[in-house]
Amino acid sequence: MEIEWVLAFVSLGLFAGFMAGLLGIGGGGIMVPILTSIFLAQGIAPQYVVHLALGTSMASIVMTSISSTRAHHARGGVLWPIVKAMAPGVVLGTFSATFLAARISSLYLAIFFALFMGYVALNMLRPKKAVIAQKKDISNTELVAVGGGIGAISALVSIGGGSLTVPYLNSRNIELKRAIGTSAAVGLPISAAGAIGYLINSQPQLELPFAVGMVYLPGVLLISIASFFTAPLGAKLAHKLPVAILKKVFAVLLILLSVKMMWSVISA
């Protein structure tokens, strides 16, 4: 691999890790659009770049998910009974959706990604309103079903599911800190199942050295190592920087990156 691509993957990992640590958001929202641009610049056919970006991003999230889960567990912020109840649905939904993603064109995947990230960005820009929590206990059946839906969407946009899991748990009478910690733990089976699904799915005629299925292994390695060092730094600075303002800037960045990715696929 040429040095410029090494630097590109490392830089992406440094930035994505820092933003994930700082804002609790990052992952696919940053990585997928930038990976799409990198793969296009490497000369990979446009019909494969979004699939490869999704798979590589999802595999890169695994290490971040492990680190985040350990940190929240150490602070007593993970409700493990909920994680265990959601896990079967999450794994099935995520794993199944990778097979669906493999059969959808890059253009439609890019459109779905852009629309979902637009939804996430708008939620970040809107003033927060108090959540009227439901008092009814959450049944295991509900948790499995919701987990399946969250897993499926997460696989199609390559995220750990936090933008879906946290609001859901918070609305079901779980305090925000524990909702965030539990969501981080749910992100681990999402990223693991998604990575396995993208590894065993392949695109015909995609000839890229060191790519397995829809995962580019050198990219995963470089991004994971870089983000491992910057995620704790972002988390540490979260208490010192104006996070509320940074979230609004990040929301605009998500929209711009998503639109750019969609335009790159259309015009390629």
Protein backbone atom coordinates (compact mmCIF):
# COMPACT_ATOMS: atom_id res chain seq x y z
CA MET A 1 0.00 0.00 0.00
CA GLU A 2 1.35 3.44 -0.96
CA ILE A 3 2.20 5.78 1.89
CA GLU A 4 -0.55 8.25 0.97
CA TRP A 5 -3.23 5.60 1.55
CA VAL A 6 -1.65 4.57 4.84
CA LEU A 7 -1.77 8.20 5.96
CA ALA A 8 -5.38 8.52 4.75
CA PHE A 9 -6.59 5.52 6.79
CA VAL A 10 -4.61 6.56 9.87
CA SER A 11 -5.91 10.14 9.66
CA LEU A 12 -9.47 8.86 9.34
CA GLY A 13 -9.02 6.63 12.39
CA LEU A 14 -7.57 9.49 14.44
CA PHE A 15 -10.46 11.80 13.57
CA ALA A 16 -13.26 9.23 13.89
CA GLY A 17 -11.91 7.97 17.22
CA PHE A 18 -11.59 11.47 18.64
CA MET A 19 -15.11 12.49 17.62
CA ALA A 20 -16.57 9.23 18.92
CA GLY A 21 -14.91 9.82 22.27
CA LEU A 22 -15.86 13.49 22.39
CA LEU A 23 -19.48 13.30 21.28
CA GLY A 24 -20.35 9.64 21.69
CA ILE A 25 -21.12 9.64 17.95
CA GLY A 26 -18.91 8.87 15.02
CA GLY A 27 -18.31 5.50 13.47
CA GLY A 28 -20.04 5.09 10.15
CA GLY A 29 -21.26 8.68 10.00
CA ILE A 30 -17.68 9.80 9.44
CA MET A 31 -15.99 6.70 8.09
CA VAL A 32 -18.37 5.53 5.36
CA PRO A 33 -18.38 8.77 3.28
CA ILE A 34 -14.60 9.23 3.61
CA LEU A 35 -13.86 5.57 2.89
CA THR A 36 -16.07 5.83 -0.19
CA SER A 37 -13.92 8.73 -1.44
CA ILE A 38 -10.69 6.85 -0.64
CA PHE A 39 -11.81 3.72 -2.50
CA LEU A 40 -12.94 5.77 -5.50
CA ALA A 41 -9.54 7.51 -5.54
CA GLN A 42 -7.88 4.08 -5.47
CA GLY A 43 -9.67 3.25 -8.70
CA ILE A 44 -12.18 0.75 -7.32
CA ALA A 45 -15.32 0.44 -9.44
CA PRO A 46 -18.16 2.73 -8.24
CA GLN A 47 -20.61 -0.18 -7.90
CA TYR A 48 -18.47 -1.65 -5.09
CA VAL A 49 -17.20 1.36 -3.13
CA VAL A 50 -20.17 1.87 -0.77
CA HIS A 51 -20.37 -1.85 0.07
CA LEU A 52 -16.63 -1.89 0.80
CA ALA A 53 -16.92 1.28 2.89
CA LEU A 54 -19.80 -0.16 4.95
CA GLY A 55 -17.98 -3.44 5.62
CA THR A 56 -14.64 -1.81 6.44
CA SER A 57 -16.29 0.73 8.72
CA MET A 58 -18.33 -1.90 10.56
CA ALA A 59 -15.26 -4.07 11.19
CA SER A 60 -13.35 -1.01 12.42
CA ILE A 61 -16.05 -0.26 15.01
CA VAL A 62 -15.48 -3.59 16.83
CA MET A 63 -12.43 -2.42 18.79
CA THR A 64 -14.08 0.91 19.65
CA SER A 65 -17.16 -0.96 20.89
CA ILE A 66 -15.07 -3.20 23.16
CA SER A 67 -13.24 -0.21 24.65
CA SER A 68 -16.45 1.78 25.15
CA THR A 69 -18.30 -1.15 26.73
CA ARG A 70 -15.49 -1.76 29.22
CA ALA A 71 -15.43 1.92 30.20
CA HIS A 72 -19.20 2.11 30.79
CA HIS A 73 -19.24 -1.25 32.63
CA ALA A 74 -16.50 -0.03 34.98
CA ARG A 75 -18.76 2.90 35.93
CA GLY A 76 -21.78 0.65 36.46
CA GLY A 77 -23.55 2.18 33.48
CA VAL A 78 -24.54 -1.01 31.63
CA LEU A 79 -27.88 -2.75 32.27
CA TRP A 80 -26.76 -6.24 31.27
CA PRO A 81 -30.22 -7.90 31.46
CA ILE A 82 -31.41 -5.51 28.74
CA VAL A 83 -28.27 -6.15 26.66
CA LYS A 84 -28.78 -9.92 26.94
CA ALA A 85 -32.46 -9.62 26.00
CA MET A 86 -31.74 -7.44 22.97
CA ALA A 87 -28.71 -9.42 21.79
CA PRO A 88 -30.53 -12.22 19.86
CA GLY A 89 -32.60 -9.73 17.88
CA VAL A 90 -29.61 -7.44 17.34
CA VAL A 91 -27.40 -10.25 16.04
CA LEU A 92 -30.09 -11.68 13.75
CA GLY A 93 -31.13 -8.27 12.40
CA THR A 94 -27.58 -7.07 11.82
CA PHE A 95 -26.30 -10.29 10.27
CA SER A 96 -29.33 -10.66 7.97
CA ALA A 97 -29.11 -7.04 6.80
CA THR A 98 -25.54 -7.55 5.56
CA PHE A 99 -26.90 -10.03 3.01
CA LEU A 100 -29.48 -7.45 1.95
CA ALA A 101 -26.79 -4.76 1.66
CA ALA A 102 -24.73 -7.04 -0.58
CA ARG A 103 -27.61 -7.15 -3.06
CA ILE A 104 -28.50 -3.44 -3.07
CA SER A 105 -26.75 -1.12 -5.52
CA SER A 106 -24.21 1.43 -4.26
CA LEU A 107 -26.52 4.26 -5.34
CA TYR A 108 -29.46 3.09 -3.25
CA LEU A 109 -27.21 2.35 -0.29
CA ALA A 110 -25.76 5.86 -0.58
CA ILE A 111 -29.25 7.39 -0.71
CA PHE A 112 -30.40 5.43 2.35
CA PHE A 113 -27.22 6.37 4.21
CA ALA A 114 -27.62 10.06 3.38
CA LEU A 115 -31.28 10.10 4.47
CA PHE A 116 -30.52 8.35 7.75
CA MET A 117 -27.59 10.62 8.56
CA GLY A 118 -29.80 13.59 7.74
CA TYR A 119 -32.26 12.30 10.34
CA VAL A 120 -29.45 11.90 12.90
CA ALA A 121 -28.11 15.39 12.14
CA LEU A 122 -31.52 17.03 12.47
CA ASN A 123 -32.01 15.35 15.86
CA MET A 124 -28.67 16.80 16.95
CA LEU A 125 -29.63 20.30 15.75
CA ARG A 126 -33.09 20.33 17.35
CA PRO A 127 -33.48 21.63 20.91
CA LYS A 128 -33.86 18.74 23.33
CA LYS A 129 -37.29 18.24 24.82
CA ALA A 130 -38.05 16.41 28.02
CA VAL A 131 -38.92 12.78 27.38
CA ILE A 132 -42.18 11.54 28.88
CA ALA A 133 -41.07 8.12 29.97
CA GLN A 134 -43.39 5.17 29.78
CA LYS A 135 -43.77 3.39 33.10
CA LYS A 136 -44.61 -0.01 31.70
CA ASP A 137 -41.89 -2.65 32.07
CA ILE A 138 -40.12 -3.67 28.88
CA SER A 139 -40.89 -7.23 27.85
CA ASN A 140 -38.20 -9.50 26.41
CA THR A 141 -40.30 -9.90 23.27
CA GLU A 142 -40.26 -6.16 22.73
CA LEU A 143 -36.51 -5.96 23.34
CA VAL A 144 -35.81 -8.74 20.83
CA ALA A 145 -38.04 -7.11 18.20
CA VAL A 146 -36.61 -3.62 18.72
CA GLY A 147 -33.10 -5.08 18.74
CA GLY A 148 -33.74 -6.70 15.37
CA GLY A 149 -34.84 -3.41 13.83
CA ILE A 150 -31.94 -1.46 15.33
CA GLY A 151 -29.49 -4.12 14.16
CA ALA A 152 -30.83 -4.14 10.60
CA ILE A 153 -30.65 -0.36 10.20
CA SER A 154 -27.22 -0.26 11.86
CA ALA A 155 -25.86 -2.78 9.37
CA LEU A 156 -27.16 -0.80 6.39
CA VAL A 157 -25.48 2.43 7.54
CA SER A 158 -22.57 0.88 9.50
CA ILE A 159 -23.15 2.33 12.97
CA GLY A 160 -23.08 0.95 16.47
CA GLY A 161 -26.75 1.79 16.90
CA GLY A 162 -26.37 4.50 19.54
CA SER A 163 -28.49 7.04 17.67
CA LEU A 164 -31.38 4.56 17.82
CA THR A 165 -30.80 2.63 21.04
CA VAL A 166 -30.28 5.59 23.37
CA PRO A 167 -33.54 7.41 22.49
CA TYR A 168 -35.48 4.15 22.69
CA LEU A 169 -34.15 3.17 26.12
CA ASN A 170 -34.52 6.72 27.42
CA SER A 171 -38.18 6.73 26.34
CA ARG A 172 -38.74 3.50 28.28
CA ASN A 173 -37.91 5.08 31.63
CA ILE A 174 -34.17 4.37 31.68
CA GLU A 175 -32.01 7.31 32.78
CA LEU A 176 -29.81 8.83 30.08
CA LYS A 177 -26.43 7.78 31.49
CA ARG A 178 -27.48 4.15 31.77
CA ALA A 179 -29.17 4.32 28.36
CA ILE A 180 -25.85 5.48 26.86
CA GLY A 181 -23.85 2.80 28.67
CA THR A 182 -26.31 0.04 27.73
CA SER A 183 -26.35 1.28 24.14
CA ALA A 184 -22.54 1.06 24.03
CA ALA A 185 -22.75 -2.58 25.14
CA VAL A 186 -25.46 -3.32 22.55
CA GLY A 187 -23.09 -1.84 19.95
CA LEU A 188 -20.67 -4.72 20.49
CA PRO A 189 -22.90 -7.52 19.11
CA ILE A 190 -24.01 -5.13 16.36
CA SER A 191 -20.45 -4.46 15.20
CA ALA A 192 -19.36 -8.11 15.62
CA ALA A 193 -22.34 -9.57 13.73
CA GLY A 194 -22.07 -6.87 11.07
CA ALA A 195 -18.34 -7.46 10.59
CA ILE A 196 -18.85 -11.22 10.22
CA GLY A 197 -21.72 -10.68 7.78
CA TYR A 198 -19.70 -8.30 5.61
CA LEU A 199 -16.68 -10.65 5.73
CA ILE A 200 -18.59 -13.64 4.37
CA ASN A 201 -20.51 -11.67 1.75
CA SER A 202 -18.60 -10.90 -1.42
CA GLN A 203 -19.07 -8.81 -4.51
CA PRO A 204 -18.43 -10.50 -7.88
CA GLN A 205 -15.41 -9.22 -9.79
CA LEU A 206 -14.17 -7.13 -6.87
CA GLU A 207 -10.43 -7.67 -7.12
CA LEU A 208 -8.66 -5.87 -4.29
CA PRO A 209 -5.65 -7.35 -2.49
CA PHE A 210 -6.24 -8.07 1.22
CA ALA A 211 -10.00 -7.56 0.89
CA VAL A 212 -12.14 -10.33 2.40
CA GLY A 213 -15.78 -10.19 1.39
CA MET A 214 -16.64 -6.51 1.69
CA VAL A 215 -13.97 -5.69 4.28
CA TYR A 216 -10.60 -4.13 3.39
CA LEU A 217 -8.35 -5.57 6.11
CA PRO A 218 -5.44 -3.05 5.95
CA GLY A 219 -7.94 -0.22 6.34
CA VAL A 220 -9.54 -1.91 9.36
CA LEU A 221 -6.15 -2.42 11.01
CA LEU A 222 -4.93 1.15 10.49
CA ILE A 223 -8.24 2.80 11.47
CA SER A 224 -8.61 0.60 14.58
CA ILE A 225 -5.08 1.31 15.84
CA ALA A 226 -5.42 5.07 15.28
CA SER A 227 -8.88 5.37 16.86
CA PHE A 228 -7.72 3.34 19.89
CA PHE A 229 -5.42 6.22 20.88
CA THR A 230 -7.70 9.17 20.13
CA ALA A 231 -11.04 7.92 21.51
CA PRO A 232 -9.88 8.26 25.16
CA LEU A 233 -8.49 11.73 24.38
CA GLY A 234 -11.87 12.81 22.99
CA ALA A 235 -13.66 11.41 26.04
CA LYS A 236 -11.29 13.29 28.34
CA LEU A 237 -11.82 16.60 26.52
CA ALA A 238 -15.61 16.15 26.52
CA HIS A 239 -15.73 17.83 29.91
CA LYS A 240 -13.58 20.79 28.81
CA LEU A 241 -14.81 21.65 25.31
CA PRO A 242 -18.19 23.19 24.33
CA VAL A 243 -19.80 19.88 23.36
CA ALA A 244 -23.23 21.40 22.64
CA ILE A 245 -21.72 23.70 19.98
CA LEU A 246 -19.49 20.96 18.61
CA LYS A 247 -22.50 18.67 18.17
CA LYS A 248 -24.14 21.25 15.93
CA VAL A 249 -20.95 21.60 13.87
CA PHE A 250 -20.70 17.81 13.68
CA ALA A 251 -24.34 17.58 12.54
CA VAL A 252 -23.61 19.91 9.63
CA LEU A 253 -20.47 17.87 8.84
CA LEU A 254 -22.55 14.67 8.74
CA ILE A 255 -24.94 16.22 6.22
CA LEU A 256 -22.11 17.52 4.02
CA LEU A 257 -20.23 14.22 4.07
CA SER A 258 -23.39 12.25 3.24
CA VAL A 259 -24.32 14.53 0.35
CA LYS A 260 -20.75 14.39 -0.96
CA MET A 261 -20.76 10.59 -0.82
CA MET A 262 -24.05 10.37 -2.69
CA TRP A 263 -22.82 12.83 -5.34
CA SER A 264 -19.53 10.91 -5.72
CA VAL A 265 -21.38 7.67 -6.39
CA ILE A 266 -23.80 9.32 -8.82
CA SER A 267 -21.11 11.16 -10.78
CA ALA A 268 -18.51 8.36 -10.79
